[in-house]
Amino acid sequence: MKNRLAELRHERQWSQEKLGTILGVSRQTIISIEKGRFDPSLPLAFQISNVFGLTIEDIFTPEEK
């Protein structure tokens, strides 16, 4: 799954650590999501969308096969 998490985080000048703290997850989790190694759970995806004021679809998009 592709995502815009790093882009959105940079726009707000937030570190991975700060975003992790806001979301209640580790910095490693943020890194893994940004690099596409980990897809967040649905509750975490909703939390992320709420933090950025966007829909889940605005942040996460499925990769083409």
PDB file of N, CA and C in Angstrom:
ATOM      1  N   MET A   1       0.838  -1.165   0.000  1.00  0.00           N
ATOM      2  CA  MET A   1       0.000   0.000   0.000  1.00  0.00           C
ATOM      3  C   MET A   1       0.894   1.242   0.000  1.00  0.00           C
ATOM      4  N   LYS A   2       0.582   2.173  -0.868  1.00  0.00           N
ATOM      5  CA  LYS A   2       1.302   3.443  -0.912  1.00  0.00           C
ATOM      6  C   LYS A   2       0.666   4.402   0.093  1.00  0.00           C
ATOM      7  N   ASN A   3       1.466   5.350   0.569  1.00  0.00           N
ATOM      8  CA  ASN A   3       0.903   6.343   1.474  1.00  0.00           C
ATOM      9  C   ASN A   3       1.649   7.665   1.355  1.00  0.00           C
ATOM     10  N   ARG A   4       1.002   8.707   1.856  1.00  0.00           N
ATOM     11  CA  ARG A   4       1.562  10.058   1.828  1.00  0.00           C
ATOM     12  C   ARG A   4       2.003  10.498   3.221  1.00  0.00           C
ATOM     13  N   LEU A   5       2.217   9.558   4.105  1.00  0.00           N
ATOM     14  CA  LEU A   5       2.489   9.895   5.500  1.00  0.00           C
ATOM     15  C   LEU A   5       3.732  10.772   5.656  1.00  0.00           C
ATOM     16  N   ALA A   6       4.829  10.418   5.021  1.00  0.00           N
ATOM     17  CA  ALA A   6       6.059  11.213   5.135  1.00  0.00           C
ATOM     18  C   ALA A   6       5.837  12.627   4.600  1.00  0.00           C
ATOM     19  N   GLU A   7       5.166  12.737   3.465  1.00  0.00           N
ATOM     20  CA  GLU A   7       4.883  14.044   2.863  1.00  0.00           C
ATOM     21  C   GLU A   7       4.056  14.912   3.816  1.00  0.00           C
ATOM     22  N   LEU A   8       2.997  14.343   4.369  1.00  0.00           N
ATOM     23  CA  LEU A   8       2.129  15.091   5.274  1.00  0.00           C
ATOM     24  C   LEU A   8       2.865  15.466   6.559  1.00  0.00           C
ATOM     25  N   ARG A   9       3.684  14.574   7.044  1.00  0.00           N
ATOM     26  CA  ARG A   9       4.460  14.835   8.257  1.00  0.00           C
ATOM     27  C   ARG A   9       5.454  15.966   8.010  1.00  0.00           C
ATOM     28  N   HIS A  10       6.129  15.948   6.865  1.00  0.00           N
ATOM     29  CA  HIS A  10       7.096  16.999   6.526  1.00  0.00           C
ATOM     30  C   HIS A  10       6.417  18.356   6.377  1.00  0.00           C
ATOM     31  N   GLU A  11       5.208  18.373   5.802  1.00  0.00           N
ATOM     32  CA  GLU A  11       4.466  19.633   5.654  1.00  0.00           C
ATOM     33  C   GLU A  11       4.251  20.308   7.007  1.00  0.00           C
ATOM     34  N   ARG A  12       4.097  19.510   8.044  1.00  0.00           N
ATOM     35  CA  ARG A  12       3.862  20.040   9.392  1.00  0.00           C
ATOM     36  C   ARG A  12       5.147  20.165  10.199  1.00  0.00           C
ATOM     37  N   GLN A  13       6.256  19.780   9.564  1.00  0.00           N
ATOM     38  CA  GLN A  13       7.576  19.821  10.197  1.00  0.00           C
ATOM     39  C   GLN A  13       7.606  18.999  11.490  1.00  0.00           C
ATOM     40  N   TRP A  14       6.969  17.843  11.423  1.00  0.00           N
ATOM     41  CA  TRP A  14       6.952  16.913  12.552  1.00  0.00           C
ATOM     42  C   TRP A  14       8.002  15.836  12.324  1.00  0.00           C
ATOM     43  N   SER A  15       8.665  15.449  13.382  1.00  0.00           N
ATOM     44  CA  SER A  15       9.576  14.311  13.311  1.00  0.00           C
ATOM     45  C   SER A  15       8.755  13.023  13.357  1.00  0.00           C
ATOM     46  N   GLN A  16       9.399  11.938  13.015  1.00  0.00           N
ATOM     47  CA  GLN A  16       8.726  10.634  13.135  1.00  0.00           C
ATOM     48  C   GLN A  16       8.395  10.363  14.594  1.00  0.00           C
ATOM     49  N   GLU A  17       9.270  10.789  15.485  1.00  0.00           N
ATOM     50  CA  GLU A  17       9.053  10.616  16.922  1.00  0.00           C
ATOM     51  C   GLU A  17       7.808  11.374  17.378  1.00  0.00           C
ATOM     52  N   LYS A  18       7.661  12.630  16.910  1.00  0.00           N
ATOM     53  CA  LYS A  18       6.505  13.437  17.313  1.00  0.00           C
ATOM     54  C   LYS A  18       5.203  12.818  16.815  1.00  0.00           C
ATOM     55  N   LEU A  19       5.171  12.397  15.554  1.00  0.00           N
ATOM     56  CA  LEU A  19       3.964  11.778  15.027  1.00  0.00           C
ATOM     57  C   LEU A  19       3.651  10.496  15.784  1.00  0.00           C
ATOM     58  N   GLY A  20       4.671   9.712  16.076  1.00  0.00           N
ATOM     59  CA  GLY A  20       4.464   8.492  16.851  1.00  0.00           C
ATOM     60  C   GLY A  20       3.862   8.791  18.212  1.00  0.00           C
ATOM     61  N   THR A  21       4.348   9.833  18.870  1.00  0.00           N
ATOM     62  CA  THR A  21       3.822  10.230  20.175  1.00  0.00           C
ATOM     63  C   THR A  21       2.362  10.651  20.063  1.00  0.00           C
ATOM     64  N   ILE A  22       2.044  11.436  19.051  1.00  0.00           N
ATOM     65  CA  ILE A  22       0.664  11.880  18.833  1.00  0.00           C
ATOM     66  C   ILE A  22      -0.263  10.682  18.648  1.00  0.00           C
ATOM     67  N   LEU A  23       0.211   9.678  17.910  1.00  0.00           N
ATOM     68  CA  LEU A  23      -0.610   8.511  17.586  1.00  0.00           C
ATOM     69  C   LEU A  23      -0.519   7.400  18.628  1.00  0.00           C
ATOM     70  N   GLY A  24       0.434   7.512  19.550  1.00  0.00           N
ATOM     71  CA  GLY A  24       0.596   6.477  20.558  1.00  0.00           C
ATOM     72  C   GLY A  24       1.274   5.218  20.035  1.00  0.00           C
ATOM     73  N   VAL A  25       2.147   5.406  19.042  1.00  0.00           N
ATOM     74  CA  VAL A  25       2.913   4.284  18.490  1.00  0.00           C
ATOM     75  C   VAL A  25       4.395   4.651  18.504  1.00  0.00           C
ATOM     76  N   SER A  26       5.239   3.695  18.233  1.00  0.00           N
ATOM     77  CA  SER A  26       6.682   3.943  18.239  1.00  0.00           C
ATOM     78  C   SER A  26       7.130   4.640  16.952  1.00  0.00           C
ATOM     79  N   ARG A  27       8.303   5.236  17.039  1.00  0.00           N
ATOM     80  CA  ARG A  27       8.931   5.839  15.860  1.00  0.00           C
ATOM     81  C   ARG A  27       9.160   4.767  14.800  1.00  0.00           C
ATOM     82  N   GLN A  28       9.528   3.560  15.230  1.00  0.00           N
ATOM     83  CA  GLN A  28       9.744   2.452  14.301  1.00  0.00           C
ATOM     84  C   GLN A  28       8.476   2.124  13.511  1.00  0.00           C
ATOM     85  N   THR A  29       7.324   2.221  14.161  1.00  0.00           N
ATOM     86  CA  THR A  29       6.057   1.978  13.465  1.00  0.00           C
ATOM     87  C   THR A  29       5.853   3.014  12.374  1.00  0.00           C
ATOM     88  N   ILE A  30       6.125   4.277  12.679  1.00  0.00           N
ATOM     89  CA  ILE A  30       5.981   5.345  11.683  1.00  0.00           C
ATOM     90  C   ILE A  30       6.931   5.093  10.516  1.00  0.00           C
ATOM     91  N   ILE A  31       8.175   4.746  10.811  1.00  0.00           N
ATOM     92  CA  ILE A  31       9.152   4.452   9.757  1.00  0.00           C
ATOM     93  C   ILE A  31       8.646   3.310   8.872  1.00  0.00           C
ATOM     94  N   SER A  32       8.159   2.248   9.490  1.00  0.00           N
ATOM     95  CA  SER A  32       7.688   1.081   8.734  1.00  0.00           C
ATOM     96  C   SER A  32       6.486   1.415   7.860  1.00  0.00           C
ATOM     97  N   ILE A  33       5.580   2.231   8.358  1.00  0.00           N
ATOM     98  CA  ILE A  33       4.422   2.638   7.548  1.00  0.00           C
ATOM     99  C   ILE A  33       4.895   3.495   6.380  1.00  0.00           C
ATOM    100  N   GLU A  34       5.747   4.481   6.656  1.00  0.00           N
ATOM    101  CA  GLU A  34       6.222   5.371   5.594  1.00  0.00           C
ATOM    102  C   GLU A  34       6.952   4.613   4.489  1.00  0.00           C
ATOM    103  N   LYS A  35       7.704   3.596   4.849  1.00  0.00           N
ATOM    104  CA  LYS A  35       8.463   2.826   3.859  1.00  0.00           C
ATOM    105  C   LYS A  35       7.635   1.732   3.200  1.00  0.00           C
ATOM    106  N   GLY A  36       6.373   1.590   3.614  1.00  0.00           N
ATOM    107  CA  GLY A  36       5.505   0.592   3.006  1.00  0.00           C
ATOM    108  C   GLY A  36       5.754  -0.815   3.478  1.00  0.00           C
ATOM    109  N   ARG A  37       6.502  -0.982   4.567  1.00  0.00           N
ATOM    110  CA  ARG A  37       6.784  -2.316   5.099  1.00  0.00           C
ATOM    111  C   ARG A  37       5.679  -2.807   6.020  1.00  0.00           C
ATOM    112  N   PHE A  38       4.816  -1.891   6.452  1.00  0.00           N
ATOM    113  CA  PHE A  38       3.768  -2.222   7.409  1.00  0.00           C
ATOM    114  C   PHE A  38       2.521  -1.440   7.037  1.00  0.00           C
ATOM    115  N   ASP A  39       1.397  -2.128   6.917  1.00  0.00           N
ATOM    116  CA  ASP A  39       0.112  -1.460   6.698  1.00  0.00           C
ATOM    117  C   ASP A  39      -0.556  -1.297   8.058  1.00  0.00           C
ATOM    118  N   PRO A  40      -0.984  -0.081   8.384  1.00  0.00           N
ATOM    119  CA  PRO A  40      -1.581   0.131   9.698  1.00  0.00           C
ATOM    120  C   PRO A  40      -2.917  -0.584   9.830  1.00  0.00           C
ATOM    121  N   SER A  41      -3.272  -0.881  11.066  1.00  0.00           N
ATOM    122  CA  SER A  41      -4.602  -1.435  11.333  1.00  0.00           C
ATOM    123  C   SER A  41      -5.638  -0.376  10.965  1.00  0.00           C
ATOM    124  N   LEU A  42      -6.863  -0.790  10.812  1.00  0.00           N
ATOM    125  CA  LEU A  42      -7.920   0.153  10.479  1.00  0.00           C
ATOM    126  C   LEU A  42      -8.080   1.230  11.553  1.00  0.00           C
ATOM    127  N   PRO A  43      -8.080   0.868  12.856  1.00  0.00           N
ATOM    128  CA  PRO A  43      -8.170   1.927  13.871  1.00  0.00           C
ATOM    129  C   PRO A  43      -7.001   2.928  13.783  1.00  0.00           C
ATOM    130  N   LEU A  44      -5.781   2.445  13.519  1.00  0.00           N
ATOM    131  CA  LEU A  44      -4.644   3.352  13.395  1.00  0.00           C
ATOM    132  C   LEU A  44      -4.777   4.213  12.143  1.00  0.00           C
ATOM    133  N   ALA A  45      -5.244   3.643  11.051  1.00  0.00           N
ATOM    134  CA  ALA A  45      -5.459   4.422   9.828  1.00  0.00           C
ATOM    135  C   ALA A  45      -6.475   5.540  10.078  1.00  0.00           C
ATOM    136  N   PHE A  46      -7.524   5.256  10.833  1.00  0.00           N
ATOM    137  CA  PHE A  46      -8.503   6.295  11.189  1.00  0.00           C
ATOM    138  C   PHE A  46      -7.856   7.372  12.054  1.00  0.00           C
ATOM    139  N   GLN A  47      -7.027   6.966  13.000  1.00  0.00           N
ATOM    140  CA  GLN A  47      -6.322   7.938  13.843  1.00  0.00           C
ATOM    141  C   GLN A  47      -5.444   8.849  12.990  1.00  0.00           C
ATOM    142  N   ILE A  48      -4.705   8.255  12.077  1.00  0.00           N
ATOM    143  CA  ILE A  48      -3.829   9.028  11.193  1.00  0.00           C
ATOM    144  C   ILE A  48      -4.646  10.016  10.372  1.00  0.00           C
ATOM    145  N   SER A  49      -5.755   9.557   9.816  1.00  0.00           N
ATOM    146  CA  SER A  49      -6.577  10.451   8.994  1.00  0.00           C
ATOM    147  C   SER A  49      -7.148  11.593   9.837  1.00  0.00           C
ATOM    148  N   ASN A  50      -7.513  11.308  11.079  1.00  0.00           N
ATOM    149  CA  ASN A  50      -8.032  12.363  11.956  1.00  0.00           C
ATOM    150  C   ASN A  50      -6.956  13.391  12.293  1.00  0.00           C
ATOM    151  N   VAL A  51      -5.740  12.933  12.549  1.00  0.00           N
ATOM    152  CA  VAL A  51      -4.639  13.842  12.886  1.00  0.00           C
ATOM    153  C   VAL A  51      -4.382  14.824  11.740  1.00  0.00           C
ATOM    154  N   PHE A  52      -4.460  14.341  10.509  1.00  0.00           N
ATOM    155  CA  PHE A  52      -4.178  15.189   9.357  1.00  0.00           C
ATOM    156  C   PHE A  52      -5.428  15.840   8.764  1.00  0.00           C
ATOM    157  N   GLY A  53      -6.596  15.501   9.276  1.00  0.00           N
ATOM    158  CA  GLY A  53      -7.831  16.099   8.771  1.00  0.00           C
ATOM    159  C   GLY A  53      -8.165  15.680   7.352  1.00  0.00           C
ATOM    160  N   LEU A  54      -7.798  14.462   7.006  1.00  0.00           N
ATOM    161  CA  LEU A  54      -8.041  13.929   5.661  1.00  0.00           C
ATOM    162  C   LEU A  54      -8.763  12.592   5.771  1.00  0.00           C
ATOM    163  N   THR A  55      -9.259  12.112   4.645  1.00  0.00           N
ATOM    164  CA  THR A  55      -9.844  10.775   4.637  1.00  0.00           C
ATOM    165  C   THR A  55      -8.717   9.747   4.527  1.00  0.00           C
ATOM    166  N   ILE A  56      -9.024   8.525   4.892  1.00  0.00           N
ATOM    167  CA  ILE A  56      -8.045   7.444   4.758  1.00  0.00           C
ATOM    168  C   ILE A  56      -7.600   7.336   3.300  1.00  0.00           C
ATOM    169  N   GLU A  57      -8.541   7.481   2.377  1.00  0.00           N
ATOM    170  CA  GLU A  57      -8.232   7.360   0.949  1.00  0.00           C
ATOM    171  C   GLU A  57      -7.305   8.471   0.462  1.00  0.00           C
ATOM    172  N   ASP A  58      -7.312   9.629   1.147  1.00  0.00           N
ATOM    173  CA  ASP A  58      -6.405  10.715   0.779  1.00  0.00           C
ATOM    174  C   ASP A  58      -4.969  10.422   1.197  1.00  0.00           C
ATOM    175  N   ILE A  59      -4.797   9.517   2.145  1.00  0.00           N
ATOM    176  CA  ILE A  59      -3.473   9.205   2.675  1.00  0.00           C
ATOM    177  C   ILE A  59      -2.946   7.876   2.148  1.00  0.00           C
ATOM    178  N   PHE A  60      -3.816   6.879   2.086  1.00  0.00           N
ATOM    179  CA  PHE A  60      -3.410   5.529   1.695  1.00  0.00           C
ATOM    180  C   PHE A  60      -4.077   5.126   0.384  1.00  0.00           C
ATOM    181  N   THR A  61      -3.282   4.571  -0.526  1.00  0.00           N
ATOM    182  CA  THR A  61      -3.829   4.071  -1.780  1.00  0.00           C
ATOM    183  C   THR A  61      -3.253   2.683  -2.054  1.00  0.00           C
ATOM    184  N   PRO A  62      -4.064   1.782  -2.570  1.00  0.00           N
ATOM    185  CA  PRO A  62      -3.555   0.442  -2.880  1.00  0.00           C
ATOM    186  C   PRO A  62      -2.569   0.506  -4.041  1.00  0.00           C
ATOM    187  N   GLU A  63      -1.571  -0.351  -3.993  1.00  0.00           N
ATOM    188  CA  GLU A  63      -0.599  -0.428  -5.082  1.00  0.00           C
ATOM    189  C   GLU A  63      -1.207  -1.228  -6.226  1.00  0.00           C
ATOM    190  N   GLU A  64      -0.890  -0.804  -7.434  1.00  0.00           N
ATOM    191  CA  GLU A  64      -1.353  -1.528  -8.615  1.00  0.00           C
ATOM    192  C   GLU A  64      -0.574  -2.821  -8.724  1.00  0.00           C
ATOM    193  N   LYS A  65      -1.247  -3.883  -9.159  1.00  0.00           N
ATOM    194  CA  LYS A  65      -0.579  -5.183  -9.316  1.00  0.00           C
ATOM    195  C   LYS A  65      -0.031  -5.344 -10.698  1.00  0.00           C
TER     196      LYS A  65
END
